[in-house]
């Protein structure tokens, strides 16, 4: 049976793959295992999806049936939920969000009482409890949990991030793409505390437009606005604001790898990059590694997923890590990716260096890289399909040591992810397209 938890919680099409019953069972399991049942406290947040209210109600009912008080934070960024969970008296936090996925999807991300995403072994424990719901017995009426309106606690996150913003002085014109998601409730206010003029766009959520042709996975929309308005910089966040990509003053997209590189090079120059190390995933561009190594730093790689990057950062005592997608972890301030925090870090470097984003990004030239997400029925079995596995090996031989081919099952979608990196755009695109077409043919 396929594991319920992927690289970032439980995710699926709302009311189809991901059901209210699953959310209810997760609420019960989380309350039993992490909040210790009666007398415990669970924090719940959500993004702007129409299905969010339904899943919050289901999680809350499950947790309260085990005696835990459920504190509803309302619409908030995922990093805000993690921050408030860690700062409060909560045994766990659950974020109802499918992050960058389309509105039809939703997800359940679980954080422990310290604001960390769960280890795989603990996720397995919760999953086992969800699959055997009859083994969990709740308390009687006198000790059932209660619902608590915790919307005011969002101010704790805003105050912390605004304090960081107040240490920056910049007069730039900044476009912020809120992806019709949860960034919109806090991002414009926080970023304005830097002194910048904020032009907030895609900030009219209706429950079904989250990430629709906007946000970190569709940054062309923000790029067009930056070009049209003559802004100095743009930031495109995703639906739950844990990702950020930037747009330079010429309207060119600056992805997560380049943003990590900009922050890392700045810290290397100032001697504040802990152990001279950054931690990135196997997908991060080889050009980033080359730029950091050339500057005297080091690069370590982990599996895809910001929780694995954080694990690596903790083990190796690194202060900076992240992914090409724009999940960037700045460990002195957060235990997970925070797109608003990333934007603040970039604005601080622009302010202190006096350089435009295009000049800073040019320090990290990237190799041609193409990625394909291919919907397939048998994503876990790709290595067992002889024709496809052989084609992958031939593609690696075709690159002749001047690139990489990485194939992996998606941890958040029913698809196979294919990444090809090399020294020619056309060559890389041709190999990626060929492998994608073959995956459709052989793995469905």
Protein backbone atom coordinates (compact mmCIF):
# COMPACT_ATOMS: atom_id res chain seq x y z
CA UNK A 1 0.00 0.00 0.00
CA UNK A 2 1.24 3.48 -0.84
CA UNK A 3 2.40 5.50 2.18
CA UNK A 4 -0.07 8.23 3.18
CA UNK A 5 2.65 10.72 4.10
CA UNK A 6 4.71 12.12 1.24
CA UNK A 7 7.63 14.54 1.37
CA UNK A 8 5.38 17.25 2.80
CA UNK A 9 2.52 15.68 4.74
CA UNK A 10 -0.58 13.99 3.38
CA UNK A 11 -1.82 15.42 0.11
CA UNK A 12 -4.44 14.66 -2.53
CA UNK A 13 -7.55 15.83 -4.36
CA UNK A 14 -9.90 17.23 -1.74
CA UNK A 15 -12.88 15.01 -0.96
CA UNK A 16 -11.54 12.33 -3.34
CA UNK A 17 -8.04 11.13 -2.41
CA UNK A 18 -7.95 13.21 0.77
CA UNK A 19 -11.19 12.78 2.71
CA UNK A 20 -12.66 14.35 5.84
CA UNK A 21 -12.46 10.92 7.49
CA UNK A 22 -8.69 10.87 6.94
CA UNK A 23 -8.43 14.35 8.48
CA UNK A 24 -10.56 13.24 11.43
CA UNK A 25 -8.36 10.17 11.97
CA UNK A 26 -5.21 12.31 11.74
CA UNK A 27 -6.65 14.66 14.35
CA UNK A 28 -7.26 11.74 16.69
CA UNK A 29 -3.83 10.21 16.09
CA UNK A 30 -2.01 13.52 16.50
CA UNK A 31 -3.86 14.36 19.70
CA UNK A 32 -3.15 10.91 21.12
CA UNK A 33 0.53 10.75 20.17
CA UNK A 34 1.71 14.37 20.28
CA UNK A 35 -0.59 16.37 22.53
CA UNK A 36 -1.04 13.42 24.92
CA UNK A 37 -4.83 13.52 24.71
CA UNK A 38 -6.90 15.13 27.46
CA UNK A 39 -5.56 18.50 28.52
CA UNK A 40 -3.33 18.85 25.44
CA UNK A 41 -3.34 21.70 22.94
CA UNK A 42 -3.30 21.51 19.12
CA UNK A 43 -2.90 24.51 16.80
CA UNK A 44 -4.57 24.41 13.36
CA UNK A 45 -4.10 26.79 10.44
CA UNK A 46 -5.21 26.81 6.81
CA UNK A 47 -4.63 28.50 3.49
CA UNK A 48 -7.41 29.97 1.32
CA UNK A 49 -8.73 26.82 -0.42
CA UNK A 50 -12.48 26.26 -0.38
CA UNK A 51 -11.96 22.81 1.17
CA UNK A 52 -9.92 24.23 4.05
CA UNK A 53 -12.88 24.83 6.37
CA UNK A 54 -14.05 21.27 5.87
CA UNK A 55 -10.69 19.76 6.74
CA UNK A 56 -10.11 22.08 9.71
CA UNK A 57 -13.48 21.00 11.11
CA UNK A 58 -12.62 17.33 10.61
CA UNK A 59 -9.17 17.57 12.19
CA UNK A 60 -10.58 19.59 15.08
CA UNK A 61 -13.38 17.09 15.72
CA UNK A 62 -10.88 14.24 15.79
CA UNK A 63 -8.51 15.98 18.17
CA UNK A 64 -11.29 17.18 20.49
CA UNK A 65 -12.70 13.65 20.63
CA UNK A 66 -9.38 12.65 22.21
CA UNK A 67 -9.55 15.44 24.78
CA UNK A 68 -7.24 17.99 23.16
CA UNK A 69 -8.20 21.65 22.98
CA UNK A 70 -8.01 22.85 19.38
CA UNK A 71 -6.82 26.40 18.74
CA UNK A 72 -7.93 27.64 15.31
CA UNK A 73 -5.46 30.14 13.87
CA UNK A 74 -7.46 30.68 10.67
CA UNK A 75 -5.87 31.65 7.36
CA UNK A 76 -2.11 31.95 7.84
CA UNK A 77 1.20 31.08 6.16
CA UNK A 78 2.59 27.65 6.99
CA UNK A 79 5.75 29.22 8.52
CA UNK A 80 3.50 31.30 10.79
CA UNK A 81 1.84 28.15 12.10
CA UNK A 82 5.27 26.57 12.71
CA UNK A 83 6.53 29.70 14.49
CA UNK A 84 3.50 30.02 16.76
CA UNK A 85 3.45 26.29 17.54
CA UNK A 86 7.06 26.48 18.71
CA UNK A 87 6.55 29.68 20.69
CA UNK A 88 3.40 28.54 22.47
CA UNK A 89 2.22 25.73 24.72
CA UNK A 90 1.10 23.51 21.87
CA UNK A 91 1.93 19.83 21.64
CA UNK A 92 1.58 19.94 17.85
CA UNK A 93 0.40 22.00 14.92
CA UNK A 94 -1.44 20.94 11.77
CA UNK A 95 -1.49 23.09 8.65
CA UNK A 96 -4.30 22.43 6.16
CA UNK A 97 -2.67 23.33 2.86
CA UNK A 98 -1.46 21.83 -0.40
CA UNK A 99 1.12 24.61 -0.74
CA UNK A 100 1.82 25.25 -4.44
CA UNK A 101 -0.71 22.70 -5.74
CA UNK A 102 -3.93 23.76 -7.53
CA UNK A 103 -7.10 24.61 -5.61
CA UNK A 104 -8.70 21.19 -6.08
CA UNK A 105 -5.95 19.65 -3.91
CA UNK A 106 -5.44 19.98 -0.19
CA UNK A 107 -3.02 18.62 2.37
CA UNK A 108 -2.29 18.05 6.04
CA UNK A 109 1.15 19.02 7.35
CA UNK A 110 1.97 18.06 10.93
CA UNK A 111 4.49 19.91 13.13
CA UNK A 112 5.74 18.85 16.53
CA UNK A 113 5.67 21.10 19.58
CA UNK A 114 9.00 22.67 18.58
CA UNK A 115 7.70 23.68 15.16
CA UNK A 116 9.59 20.96 13.26
CA UNK A 117 8.09 18.79 10.55
CA UNK A 118 7.90 15.20 11.72
CA UNK A 119 10.54 12.53 11.23
CA UNK A 120 9.49 9.69 8.91
CA UNK A 121 9.32 7.24 11.81
CA UNK A 122 6.84 9.45 13.69
CA UNK A 123 4.76 9.91 10.56
CA UNK A 124 4.68 6.13 10.26
CA UNK A 125 3.37 5.89 13.82
CA UNK A 126 0.58 8.36 13.08
CA UNK A 127 -0.26 6.55 9.86
CA UNK A 128 -0.50 3.22 11.68
CA UNK A 129 -2.86 4.79 14.22
CA UNK A 130 -4.99 6.25 11.42
CA UNK A 131 -5.31 2.83 9.82
CA UNK A 132 -6.50 1.32 13.11
CA UNK A 133 -8.89 4.02 14.38
CA UNK A 134 -10.93 1.64 16.54
CA UNK A 135 -7.89 1.11 18.78
CA UNK A 136 -8.06 4.73 19.96
CA UNK A 137 -10.54 5.39 22.71
CA UNK A 138 -11.41 8.94 23.72
CA UNK A 139 -12.53 10.36 27.07
CA UNK A 140 -16.03 10.98 28.35
CA UNK A 141 -17.93 14.25 28.08
CA UNK A 142 -16.29 15.93 31.07
CA UNK A 143 -12.81 15.91 29.51
CA UNK A 144 -13.56 16.31 25.79
CA UNK A 145 -11.49 19.01 24.10
CA UNK A 146 -12.84 22.43 23.24
CA UNK A 147 -12.46 24.76 20.29
CA UNK A 148 -10.56 27.99 20.83
CA UNK A 149 -10.38 31.01 18.50
CA UNK A 150 -6.63 31.67 18.21
CA UNK A 151 -6.75 34.16 15.34
CA UNK A 152 -5.12 36.81 17.52
CA UNK A 153 -2.00 34.67 17.85
CA UNK A 154 -1.07 35.44 14.23
CA UNK A 155 0.13 38.80 15.55
CA UNK A 156 3.00 36.95 17.28
CA UNK A 157 4.42 35.94 13.90
CA UNK A 158 3.78 39.35 12.35
CA UNK A 159 5.51 41.09 15.24
CA UNK A 160 8.58 38.87 14.97
CA UNK A 161 8.95 39.25 11.21
CA UNK A 162 8.17 42.98 11.35
CA UNK A 163 10.95 43.35 13.88
CA UNK A 164 13.37 41.82 11.37
CA UNK A 165 11.99 44.04 8.61
CA UNK A 166 12.54 47.12 10.76
CA UNK A 167 16.28 46.42 10.75
CA UNK A 168 16.33 47.01 6.98
CA UNK A 169 16.17 50.44 5.39
CA UNK A 170 15.33 50.43 1.69
CA UNK A 171 13.30 52.70 -0.57
CA UNK A 172 12.68 50.22 -3.37
CA UNK A 173 9.42 49.68 -5.23
CA UNK A 174 8.51 46.04 -4.60
CA UNK A 175 5.87 43.87 -6.30
CA UNK A 176 4.57 41.02 -4.11
CA UNK A 177 2.60 38.21 -5.77
CA UNK A 178 0.53 36.63 -2.97
CA UNK A 179 -0.76 33.76 -5.16
CA UNK A 180 -4.32 34.40 -3.88
CA UNK A 181 -3.10 32.48 -0.85
CA UNK A 182 -2.39 32.94 2.82
CA UNK A 183 0.58 35.28 2.27
CA UNK A 184 -1.88 38.05 1.60
CA UNK A 185 -2.96 38.36 5.23
CA UNK A 186 0.54 39.31 6.43
CA UNK A 187 3.16 39.71 3.68
CA UNK A 188 2.37 43.28 2.50
CA UNK A 189 2.38 44.60 6.06
CA UNK A 190 5.64 42.86 7.02
CA UNK A 191 7.53 43.86 3.87
CA UNK A 192 6.32 47.46 4.13
CA UNK A 193 8.13 47.71 7.48
CA UNK A 194 11.43 47.79 5.55
CA UNK A 195 10.51 51.21 4.17
CA UNK A 196 9.85 49.80 0.71
CA UNK A 197 6.76 50.70 -1.30
CA UNK A 198 4.74 47.49 -1.63
CA UNK A 199 2.52 46.70 -4.62
CA UNK A 200 0.56 43.59 -3.54
CA UNK A 201 -0.94 41.60 -6.43
CA UNK A 202 -2.99 38.41 -6.76
CA UNK A 203 -4.44 39.00 -3.32
CA UNK A 204 -8.17 38.39 -3.86
CA UNK A 205 -8.65 34.75 -2.82
CA UNK A 206 -12.03 33.20 -3.60
CA UNK A 207 -11.30 29.61 -2.59
CA UNK A 208 -10.66 28.36 -6.11
CA UNK A 209 -8.02 30.72 -7.54
CA UNK A 210 -5.08 29.92 -5.25
CA UNK A 211 -1.87 29.51 -7.32
CA UNK A 212 -3.90 29.96 -10.52
CA UNK A 213 -1.54 31.46 -13.14
CA UNK A 214 0.33 33.29 -10.40
CA UNK A 215 2.66 32.71 -7.47
CA UNK A 216 5.99 30.96 -7.17
CA UNK A 217 5.09 28.22 -9.66
CA UNK A 218 3.93 30.74 -12.29
CA UNK A 219 6.29 33.71 -11.79
CA UNK A 220 5.79 35.04 -15.32
CA UNK A 221 2.75 36.93 -14.03
CA UNK A 222 4.80 38.82 -11.43
CA UNK A 223 7.61 39.31 -13.94
CA UNK A 224 5.21 41.02 -16.35
CA UNK A 225 4.02 43.35 -13.57
CA UNK A 226 7.59 44.27 -12.58
CA UNK A 227 8.37 45.12 -16.21
CA UNK A 228 5.15 47.05 -16.71
CA UNK A 229 5.46 49.13 -13.54
CA UNK A 230 9.23 49.60 -13.55
CA UNK A 231 9.53 48.12 -10.06
CA UNK A 232 12.96 47.51 -8.55
CA UNK A 233 12.23 43.91 -7.56
CA UNK A 234 9.40 41.41 -7.30
CA UNK A 235 8.68 38.43 -5.09
CA UNK A 236 6.34 35.57 -6.01
CA UNK A 237 5.15 33.51 -3.06
CA UNK A 238 3.14 30.30 -3.21
CA UNK A 239 -0.24 29.44 -1.71
CA UNK A 240 0.96 28.97 1.86
CA UNK A 241 3.94 31.35 1.64
CA UNK A 242 6.69 28.84 2.36
CA UNK A 243 8.23 29.36 -1.10
CA UNK A 244 9.64 32.46 -2.72
CA UNK A 245 11.16 33.20 -6.10
CA UNK A 246 12.25 36.71 -7.08
CA UNK A 247 12.04 38.91 -10.17
CA UNK A 248 14.92 41.25 -10.99
CA UNK A 249 14.53 44.83 -12.19
CA UNK A 250 14.56 43.65 -15.82
CA UNK A 251 11.69 41.20 -15.28
CA UNK A 252 13.90 38.10 -15.17
CA UNK A 253 13.02 35.30 -12.75
CA UNK A 254 15.60 34.52 -10.06
CA UNK A 255 14.87 31.05 -8.71
CA UNK A 256 15.52 29.45 -5.34
CA UNK A 257 19.00 28.22 -6.25
CA UNK A 258 20.14 31.73 -7.15
CA UNK A 259 18.51 33.21 -4.04
CA UNK A 260 20.32 30.66 -1.86
CA UNK A 261 23.52 31.55 -3.67
CA UNK A 262 23.01 35.30 -3.15
CA UNK A 263 22.45 34.82 0.58
CA UNK A 264 25.34 32.34 0.89
CA UNK A 265 27.86 34.54 -0.93
CA UNK A 266 26.87 37.53 1.17
CA UNK A 267 27.34 35.52 4.36
CA UNK A 268 30.61 34.01 3.20
CA UNK A 269 31.93 37.52 2.58
CA UNK A 270 30.84 38.60 6.06
CA UNK A 271 32.01 35.40 7.77
CA UNK A 272 28.51 34.53 8.98
CA UNK A 273 27.80 31.35 6.98
CA UNK A 274 28.04 28.67 9.68
CA UNK A 275 30.78 26.16 8.83
CA UNK A 276 30.93 27.77 5.37
CA UNK A 277 28.19 25.33 4.39
CA UNK A 278 24.85 25.31 2.61
CA UNK A 279 22.52 22.31 2.44
CA UNK A 280 20.49 21.81 -0.74
CA UNK A 281 18.56 18.99 -2.39
CA UNK A 282 19.72 16.71 -5.17
CA UNK A 283 17.74 18.91 -7.59
CA UNK A 284 19.72 22.08 -6.96
CA UNK A 285 21.67 23.32 -9.96
CA UNK A 286 25.33 22.42 -10.37
CA UNK A 287 26.04 26.08 -11.10
CA UNK A 288 25.10 26.94 -7.51
CA UNK A 289 27.53 24.37 -6.16
CA UNK A 290 30.29 25.68 -8.44
CA UNK A 291 29.75 29.31 -7.36
CA UNK A 292 29.78 28.48 -3.64
CA UNK A 293 32.81 26.21 -3.91
CA UNK A 294 34.70 28.85 -5.90
CA UNK A 295 34.00 31.36 -3.11
CA UNK A 296 35.43 29.01 -0.48
CA UNK A 297 32.18 27.49 0.76
CA UNK A 298 30.85 23.95 0.81
CA UNK A 299 27.66 22.31 -0.46
CA UNK A 300 25.92 19.22 0.95
CA UNK A 301 22.97 17.55 -0.78
CA UNK A 302 19.94 15.72 0.65
CA UNK A 303 16.80 14.05 -0.74
CA UNK A 304 14.04 16.36 -1.96
CA UNK A 305 11.92 17.93 0.78
CA UNK A 306 12.63 20.81 3.11
CA UNK A 307 12.36 18.59 6.19
CA UNK A 308 15.27 16.50 4.86
CA UNK A 309 17.24 19.66 4.21
CA UNK A 310 16.56 20.81 7.76
CA UNK A 311 17.69 17.42 9.08
CA UNK A 312 20.95 17.86 7.19
CA UNK A 313 21.35 21.40 8.48
CA UNK A 314 20.89 20.25 12.08
CA UNK A 315 23.33 17.36 11.72
CA UNK A 316 25.97 19.49 9.99
CA UNK A 317 25.25 22.68 11.97
CA UNK A 318 24.48 24.73 8.86
CA UNK A 319 22.55 28.01 9.03
CA UNK A 320 21.33 28.12 5.42
CA UNK A 321 19.68 25.59 3.16
CA UNK A 322 16.91 25.22 0.66
CA UNK A 323 15.57 24.09 -2.67
CA UNK A 324 15.41 25.32 -6.24
CA UNK A 325 11.64 25.67 -5.82
CA UNK A 326 12.16 28.54 -3.36
CA UNK A 327 11.86 26.68 -0.05
CA UNK A 328 14.70 28.40 1.81
CA UNK A 329 15.49 27.85 5.48
CA UNK A 330 17.32 30.55 7.44
CA UNK A 331 17.85 28.66 10.66
CA UNK A 332 18.40 31.50 13.12
CA UNK A 333 14.83 32.61 12.43
CA UNK A 334 12.86 29.56 11.25
CA UNK A 335 12.73 25.76 11.24
CA UNK A 336 11.15 25.53 7.79
CA UNK A 337 10.92 27.41 4.53
CA UNK A 338 9.48 30.93 4.84
CA UNK A 339 8.99 32.94 1.66
CA UNK A 340 8.46 36.21 3.51
CA UNK A 341 11.67 35.71 5.48
CA UNK A 342 13.53 34.97 2.24
CA UNK A 343 12.22 38.21 0.74
CA UNK A 344 13.42 40.13 3.80
CA UNK A 345 16.88 38.58 3.53
CA UNK A 346 17.15 39.56 -0.14
CA UNK A 347 15.97 43.11 0.55
CA UNK A 348 18.56 43.40 3.30
CA UNK A 349 21.34 42.38 0.89
CA UNK A 350 20.09 44.83 -1.74
CA UNK A 351 20.12 47.57 0.87
CA UNK A 352 23.59 46.82 2.24
CA UNK A 353 25.27 46.15 -1.10
CA UNK A 354 23.62 48.89 -3.13
CA UNK A 355 23.49 46.44 -6.05
CA UNK A 356 20.42 45.50 -8.10
CA UNK A 357 19.15 41.94 -8.01
CA UNK A 358 20.33 41.24 -11.56
CA UNK A 359 23.94 41.92 -10.57
CA UNK A 360 23.70 39.77 -7.46
CA UNK A 361 22.08 36.89 -9.39
CA UNK A 362 24.80 37.02 -12.06
CA UNK A 363 27.22 35.70 -9.44
CA UNK A 364 25.45 32.32 -9.69
CA UNK A 365 25.32 31.31 -13.37
CA UNK A 366 23.16 28.21 -13.72
CA UNK A 367 23.61 25.21 -16.00
CA UNK A 368 20.76 24.44 -18.42
CA UNK A 369 18.24 22.32 -16.54
CA UNK A 370 14.82 20.96 -17.45
CA UNK A 371 12.27 19.28 -15.19
CA UNK A 372 9.17 17.29 -16.11
CA UNK A 373 6.36 16.11 -13.84
CA UNK A 374 4.75 13.18 -15.63
CA UNK A 375 1.41 11.80 -14.34
CA UNK A 376 1.82 8.01 -14.14
CA UNK A 377 0.03 5.17 -12.36
CA UNK A 378 3.22 3.35 -11.37
CA UNK A 379 5.54 6.08 -10.14
CA UNK A 380 7.26 3.86 -7.55
CA UNK A 381 8.02 1.10 -10.07
CA UNK A 382 9.95 3.07 -12.69
CA UNK A 383 13.23 1.25 -12.03
CA UNK A 384 11.52 -2.12 -12.52
CA UNK A 385 10.28 -1.24 -16.00
CA UNK A 386 13.17 -2.44 -18.24
CA UNK A 387 12.58 -0.15 -21.21
CA UNK A 388 12.31 3.02 -19.18
CA UNK A 389 15.21 2.17 -16.84
CA UNK A 390 17.40 1.43 -19.86
CA UNK A 391 16.47 4.77 -21.46
CA UNK A 392 17.50 6.60 -18.28
CA UNK A 393 20.92 4.93 -18.34
CA UNK A 394 21.35 5.74 -22.03
CA UNK A 395 20.47 9.38 -21.33
CA UNK A 396 23.16 9.55 -18.66
CA UNK A 397 25.67 8.07 -21.10
CA UNK A 398 24.53 10.56 -23.75
CA UNK A 399 25.51 13.46 -21.45
CA UNK A 400 29.04 12.01 -21.35
CA UNK A 401 29.88 13.24 -17.87
CA UNK A 402 28.71 16.81 -18.56
CA UNK A 403 25.40 16.70 -16.75
CA UNK A 404 22.96 14.73 -14.63
CA UNK A 405 19.72 12.78 -14.99
CA UNK A 406 17.62 12.38 -11.86
CA UNK A 407 14.38 10.40 -11.80
CA UNK A 408 12.23 10.09 -8.68
CA UNK A 409 8.61 9.52 -7.70
CA UNK A 410 6.90 12.70 -6.56
CA UNK A 411 6.30 12.90 -2.83
CA UNK A 412 3.25 15.16 -3.25
CA UNK A 413 1.56 14.07 -6.50
CA UNK A 414 0.82 10.88 -8.47
CA UNK A 415 3.61 11.60 -10.91
CA UNK A 416 7.20 10.81 -11.82
CA UNK A 417 9.63 13.71 -11.72
CA UNK A 418 12.44 13.85 -14.26
CA UNK A 419 15.32 16.31 -14.06
CA UNK A 420 17.99 16.65 -16.74
CA UNK A 421 20.97 19.01 -16.42
CA UNK A 422 23.69 19.57 -18.98
CA UNK A 423 25.65 22.12 -21.00
CA UNK A 424 23.13 22.75 -23.81
CA UNK A 425 19.52 23.93 -23.53
CA UNK A 426 18.41 22.04 -26.64
CA UNK A 427 20.17 18.82 -25.63
CA UNK A 428 18.73 18.89 -22.12
CA UNK A 429 15.20 19.63 -23.34
CA UNK A 430 15.35 16.84 -25.92
CA UNK A 431 16.40 14.24 -23.33
CA UNK A 432 13.77 15.42 -20.83
CA UNK A 433 11.00 15.26 -23.45
CA UNK A 434 12.05 11.80 -24.61
CA UNK A 435 12.08 10.39 -21.09
CA UNK A 436 8.76 12.03 -20.26
CA UNK A 437 7.10 10.55 -23.34
CA UNK A 438 8.49 7.10 -22.56
CA UNK A 439 7.30 7.33 -18.94
CA UNK A 440 3.75 8.00 -20.16
CA UNK A 441 3.98 4.99 -22.48
CA UNK A 442 5.55 2.48 -20.09
CA UNK A 443 4.30 3.47 -16.61
CA UNK A 444 0.54 3.86 -17.19
